[in-house]
Amino acid sequence: MRRISTCLALLGLAVLGLSATASAAPTVTLKAKAVPIPGFPGTGNILGAGAAVEVNYTIKGTESTGGVPSQLTHVNFFLPAGAKLHPQGFTTCSPATLEAVGPYEIKREGKIELVPGGCPKKSQASPIGSAGVVDPIGGQLVEETATVQAYFAPGGGLEFYANAEAPISAQLVAATGMFGSAKPPYGLEFNGAVNLIDSVPGAPPVSTTSINLKVGSAYKKGKKTISYGTLPKKCPKGGFPVKSELTFASGETVTAAYKAPCPKK
């Protein structure tokens, strides 16, 4: 079975856009923003409120075989001071369970999609997103759009399940990560490992070229909404500081720092 490698670097609760480059390293462009959690009024880009983060990445480069971007191996993402996570009360699902039970078909927006069958719906930390992947196979570049979905992992972390159907076929946990504290002006750091995954014998691991995903969930406790993540209660002058470090198989680390606009009052 051919396999894919997808990358997930997300978890900013309020971010806008960046472009970062390094010598002989891939170029990373990110656009992201805090958005409402579907079904939970009062969430979104509001100071102190619960929110999901909508993340859109593009990765360009020619470092790997076949003139494609080097494969992503690690992601660190720094959230602004004051952003908080509330993992308590959310259902979790282990990576082993995600991969142990075969996916089943669902119809979404007129399309048939494969989703993991082993984890409860309440363990989903995001709706289904997408990731662009590419691999030089047999002298030709094979491109595909895979689906990606975040799940709550035991211990308070996140894991990301990827599914590609054709021509590259794979259903697997592509990345896992945990949160820890970070030095000011940041508050939390997401430290995520991305799997290097082979496609077919003789071909290099698959490269990721784009990611589009919303991460964030909530549940009701009585009349109160409990959100996985909340925005800071105050926004510093100039916007929220956010930083992301992406490490690639070619050995380079691309650091991108930017400030996201404060929510409108």
Protein backbone atom coordinates (compact mmCIF):
# COMPACT_ATOMS: atom_id res chain seq x y z
CA MET A 1 0.00 0.00 0.00
CA ARG A 2 1.41 3.33 -0.98
CA ARG A 3 1.73 5.79 1.82
CA ILE A 4 1.73 9.49 2.32
CA SER A 5 3.30 12.00 4.64
CA THR A 6 1.22 14.93 5.80
CA CYS A 7 2.19 17.66 8.17
CA LEU A 8 0.32 19.54 10.74
CA ALA A 9 1.50 22.67 12.34
CA LEU A 10 -1.30 24.52 13.79
CA LEU A 11 -2.53 25.56 16.90
CA GLY A 12 -2.57 29.28 16.96
CA LEU A 13 -5.68 30.71 18.41
CA ALA A 14 -5.35 34.00 16.53
CA VAL A 15 -3.04 34.42 13.55
CA LEU A 16 -2.96 36.11 10.17
CA GLY A 17 -0.31 35.51 7.53
CA LEU A 18 3.41 35.03 7.04
CA SER A 19 6.06 34.12 4.53
CA ALA A 20 9.39 32.69 5.64
CA THR A 21 12.41 31.54 3.71
CA ALA A 22 15.86 30.21 4.44
CA SER A 23 18.83 29.40 2.24
CA ALA A 24 18.29 26.08 0.45
CA ALA A 25 15.18 25.53 2.52
CA PRO A 26 11.52 25.33 1.55
CA THR A 27 9.42 28.49 1.49
CA VAL A 28 6.53 28.39 3.95
CA THR A 29 3.46 30.60 3.68
CA LEU A 30 0.77 30.56 6.34
CA LYS A 31 -2.62 32.21 6.60
CA ALA A 32 -4.69 31.54 9.71
CA LYS A 33 -7.39 33.09 11.82
CA ALA A 34 -9.54 32.39 14.85
CA VAL A 35 -13.00 31.22 13.81
CA PRO A 36 -16.21 30.14 15.59
CA ILE A 37 -16.65 26.53 16.64
CA PRO A 38 -19.66 25.19 14.68
CA GLY A 39 -22.71 24.78 16.88
CA PHE A 40 -21.38 26.94 19.71
CA PRO A 41 -22.53 30.59 19.61
CA GLY A 42 -20.25 33.11 21.29
CA THR A 43 -17.04 31.45 20.07
CA GLY A 44 -14.67 32.90 17.47
CA ASN A 45 -12.28 35.83 17.18
CA ILE A 46 -13.37 37.40 20.48
CA LEU A 47 -11.06 38.28 23.38
CA GLY A 48 -11.23 35.61 26.07
CA ALA A 49 -13.65 33.45 24.07
CA GLY A 50 -13.37 29.91 22.86
CA ALA A 51 -12.26 29.54 19.26
CA ALA A 52 -11.06 27.19 16.57
CA VAL A 53 -8.08 28.11 14.44
CA GLU A 54 -8.35 27.94 10.67
CA VAL A 55 -4.92 27.26 9.20
CA ASN A 56 -3.84 27.38 5.55
CA TYR A 57 -0.25 26.42 4.75
CA THR A 58 1.64 26.24 1.47
CA ILE A 59 5.15 24.77 1.20
CA LYS A 60 7.29 25.28 -1.88
CA GLY A 61 10.78 24.11 -2.68
CA THR A 62 13.01 21.89 -4.81
CA GLU A 63 15.29 20.38 -2.14
CA SER A 64 14.13 16.77 -2.48
CA THR A 65 14.46 14.25 -5.30
CA GLY A 66 12.33 15.18 -8.29
CA GLY A 67 12.35 18.88 -7.50
CA VAL A 68 9.76 18.80 -4.71
CA PRO A 69 9.93 20.33 -1.21
CA SER A 70 11.91 18.55 1.46
CA GLN A 71 9.78 16.39 3.74
CA LEU A 72 8.57 17.94 6.99
CA THR A 73 9.81 16.13 10.10
CA HIS A 74 8.97 18.39 13.03
CA VAL A 75 6.75 21.34 13.89
CA ASN A 76 6.93 23.71 16.83
CA PHE A 77 4.16 26.27 17.13
CA PHE A 78 4.16 29.03 19.75
CA LEU A 79 0.90 30.56 20.97
CA PRO A 80 0.69 34.09 22.40
CA ALA A 81 0.79 34.62 26.14
CA GLY A 82 -2.69 34.43 27.58
CA ALA A 83 -3.99 31.76 25.20
CA LYS A 84 -5.26 28.79 27.17
CA LEU A 85 -6.08 25.16 26.54
CA HIS A 86 -8.71 23.12 28.37
CA PRO A 87 -8.18 19.44 27.42
CA GLN A 88 -10.09 18.15 30.43
CA GLY A 89 -13.42 16.54 29.67
CA PHE A 90 -12.74 15.76 26.02
CA THR A 91 -12.88 12.16 24.83
CA THR A 92 -9.52 10.81 23.64
CA CYS A 93 -8.47 8.17 21.15
CA SER A 94 -5.06 6.53 20.89
CA PRO A 95 -3.04 6.43 17.65
CA ALA A 96 -3.17 2.64 17.76
CA THR A 97 -6.97 2.70 17.82
CA LEU A 98 -7.09 5.20 14.97
CA GLU A 99 -5.10 2.87 12.75
CA ALA A 100 -6.41 -0.48 14.03
CA VAL A 101 -9.98 -0.20 12.77
CA GLY A 102 -10.46 0.25 9.05
CA PRO A 103 -12.10 3.45 7.78
CA TYR A 104 -15.70 3.53 6.63
CA GLU A 105 -17.44 5.63 4.01
CA ILE A 106 -19.54 8.71 4.73
CA LYS A 107 -21.19 11.12 2.33
CA ARG A 108 -20.28 14.75 2.96
CA GLU A 109 -21.33 17.60 0.68
CA GLY A 110 -22.11 15.16 -2.09
CA LYS A 111 -18.74 13.39 -1.88
CA ILE A 112 -17.80 10.00 -0.41
CA GLU A 113 -15.06 10.23 2.23
CA LEU A 114 -13.27 7.65 4.35
CA VAL A 115 -13.16 8.38 8.10
CA PRO A 116 -11.58 6.33 10.93
CA GLY A 117 -13.93 3.75 12.38
CA GLY A 118 -12.20 3.13 15.68
CA CYS A 119 -12.57 6.45 17.52
CA PRO A 120 -15.72 8.03 18.98
CA LYS A 121 -17.01 11.18 17.30
CA LYS A 122 -16.44 13.19 20.49
CA SER A 123 -12.69 12.57 20.20
CA GLN A 124 -12.52 14.63 16.99
CA ALA A 125 -10.60 17.88 17.53
CA SER A 126 -11.41 19.24 14.08
CA PRO A 127 -13.67 18.74 11.09
CA ILE A 128 -12.11 17.03 8.08
CA GLY A 129 -9.52 19.22 6.36
CA SER A 130 -7.12 18.63 3.50
CA ALA A 131 -3.43 18.36 2.68
CA GLY A 132 -1.73 18.48 -0.69
CA VAL A 133 0.95 15.79 -1.16
CA VAL A 134 3.40 15.04 -3.96
CA ASP A 135 5.93 12.30 -4.73
CA PRO A 136 8.14 11.53 -7.75
CA ILE A 137 7.19 7.97 -8.69
CA GLY A 138 8.56 6.28 -11.80
CA GLY A 139 9.92 9.54 -13.15
CA GLN A 140 6.61 11.37 -12.81
CA LEU A 141 5.29 13.66 -10.10
CA VAL A 142 2.23 12.12 -8.48
CA GLU A 143 0.04 14.71 -6.74
CA GLU A 144 -2.99 14.15 -4.55
CA THR A 145 -5.21 15.90 -2.04
CA ALA A 146 -5.52 13.88 1.16
CA THR A 147 -8.00 14.44 3.98
CA VAL A 148 -6.67 15.31 7.44
CA GLN A 149 -8.45 15.34 10.77
CA ALA A 150 -7.24 16.14 14.28
CA TYR A 151 -8.09 13.93 17.29
CA PHE A 152 -7.57 14.35 21.02
CA ALA A 153 -4.77 12.04 22.14
CA PRO A 154 -4.32 10.53 25.61
CA GLY A 155 -2.24 12.78 27.86
CA GLY A 156 -3.56 16.05 26.48
CA GLY A 157 -1.92 16.08 23.05
CA LEU A 158 -3.20 15.98 19.51
CA GLU A 159 -2.82 13.47 16.70
CA PHE A 160 -3.58 13.92 13.03
CA TYR A 161 -5.13 11.19 10.90
CA ALA A 162 -4.50 11.32 7.15
CA ASN A 163 -6.34 9.50 4.40
CA ALA A 164 -5.42 9.39 0.72
CA GLU A 165 -7.34 7.24 -1.70
CA ALA A 166 -5.78 7.36 -5.17
CA PRO A 167 -3.32 7.30 -6.80
CA ILE A 168 -1.47 7.33 -3.46
CA SER A 169 -3.36 5.16 -0.97
CA ALA A 170 -2.90 5.38 2.80
CA GLN A 171 -4.85 5.64 6.04
CA LEU A 172 -2.61 6.43 9.00
CA VAL A 173 -1.64 8.75 11.86
CA ALA A 174 0.68 11.23 10.17
CA ALA A 175 1.67 13.43 13.12
CA THR A 176 1.40 13.61 16.90
CA GLY A 177 2.27 16.38 19.35
CA MET A 178 2.05 17.71 22.88
CA PHE A 179 1.83 21.15 24.47
CA GLY A 180 4.27 22.71 26.90
CA SER A 181 5.09 26.13 28.31
CA ALA A 182 7.02 28.73 26.31
CA LYS A 183 9.00 31.84 27.20
CA PRO A 184 7.39 35.30 26.78
CA PRO A 185 6.03 36.80 24.63
CA TYR A 186 4.62 33.33 24.02
CA GLY A 187 2.65 31.21 26.44
CA LEU A 188 2.29 27.71 25.02
CA GLU A 189 4.34 25.65 22.59
CA PHE A 190 3.01 22.81 20.44
CA ASN A 191 5.80 20.30 19.81
CA GLY A 192 4.81 17.92 17.03
CA ALA A 193 6.64 15.08 15.31
CA VAL A 194 5.75 14.36 11.67
CA ASN A 195 6.27 10.87 10.31
CA LEU A 196 8.48 10.27 7.30
CA ILE A 197 6.45 7.81 5.31
CA ASP A 198 7.49 5.95 2.18
CA SER A 199 5.19 5.67 -0.82
CA VAL A 200 6.47 2.84 -3.03
CA PRO A 201 9.84 1.01 -3.09
CA GLY A 202 12.52 3.17 -4.66
CA ALA A 203 10.63 6.45 -4.23
CA PRO A 204 11.50 9.07 -1.59
CA PRO A 205 9.07 9.85 1.25
CA VAL A 206 6.13 11.97 0.16
CA SER A 207 6.34 15.76 0.48
CA THR A 208 3.56 18.00 1.76
CA THR A 209 2.67 21.07 -0.30
CA SER A 210 -0.38 22.46 1.49
CA ILE A 211 -2.55 22.10 4.60
CA ASN A 212 -6.04 23.43 5.19
CA LEU A 213 -7.54 22.62 8.58
CA LYS A 214 -9.65 24.03 11.40
CA VAL A 215 -8.66 22.84 14.89
CA GLY A 216 -10.91 23.41 17.86
CA SER A 217 -13.82 21.79 19.61
CA ALA A 218 -16.20 22.39 22.49
CA TYR A 219 -18.86 20.70 24.60
CA LYS A 220 -21.66 21.78 26.92
CA LYS A 221 -21.47 21.47 30.68
CA GLY A 222 -24.94 22.46 31.73
CA LYS A 223 -25.48 25.81 30.04
CA LYS A 224 -21.75 26.58 29.93
CA THR A 225 -19.65 26.06 26.82
CA ILE A 226 -16.27 24.42 27.46
CA SER A 227 -13.87 25.12 24.59
CA TYR A 228 -10.61 23.31 23.98
CA GLY A 229 -8.85 26.60 23.37
CA THR A 230 -9.56 30.21 24.32
CA LEU A 231 -8.06 33.48 23.10
CA PRO A 232 -6.15 35.80 25.44
CA LYS A 233 -8.24 38.33 27.33
CA LYS A 234 -5.95 41.14 26.23
CA CYS A 235 -4.24 41.87 22.94
CA PRO A 236 -0.87 43.65 23.03
CA LYS A 237 -0.25 46.70 20.87
CA GLY A 238 0.51 45.57 17.34
CA GLY A 239 -1.23 42.23 17.65
CA PHE A 240 -0.72 38.75 19.04
CA PRO A 241 2.87 37.42 18.70
CA VAL A 242 2.98 33.94 17.14
CA LYS A 243 5.97 31.90 15.99
CA SER A 244 6.34 28.64 14.09
CA GLU A 245 9.44 26.51 13.53
CA LEU A 246 9.30 23.90 10.76
CA THR A 247 12.13 21.35 10.46
CA PHE A 248 12.68 19.47 7.21
CA ALA A 249 14.42 16.22 6.29
CA SER A 250 17.09 18.18 4.42
CA GLY A 251 18.21 19.51 7.81
CA GLU A 252 16.96 23.10 7.68
CA THR A 253 14.60 24.74 10.13
CA VAL A 254 12.42 27.57 8.87
CA THR A 255 11.40 30.02 11.59
CA ALA A 256 8.42 32.27 10.96
CA ALA A 257 7.40 34.99 13.41
CA TYR A 258 4.52 37.39 12.98
CA LYS A 259 1.84 39.33 14.79
CA ALA A 260 -1.85 38.62 14.29
CA PRO A 261 -4.29 41.55 14.39
CA CYS A 262 -6.27 42.02 17.57
CA PRO A 263 -9.96 41.04 17.43
CA LYS A 264 -12.36 43.84 16.61
CA LYS A 265 -14.16 45.24 19.63
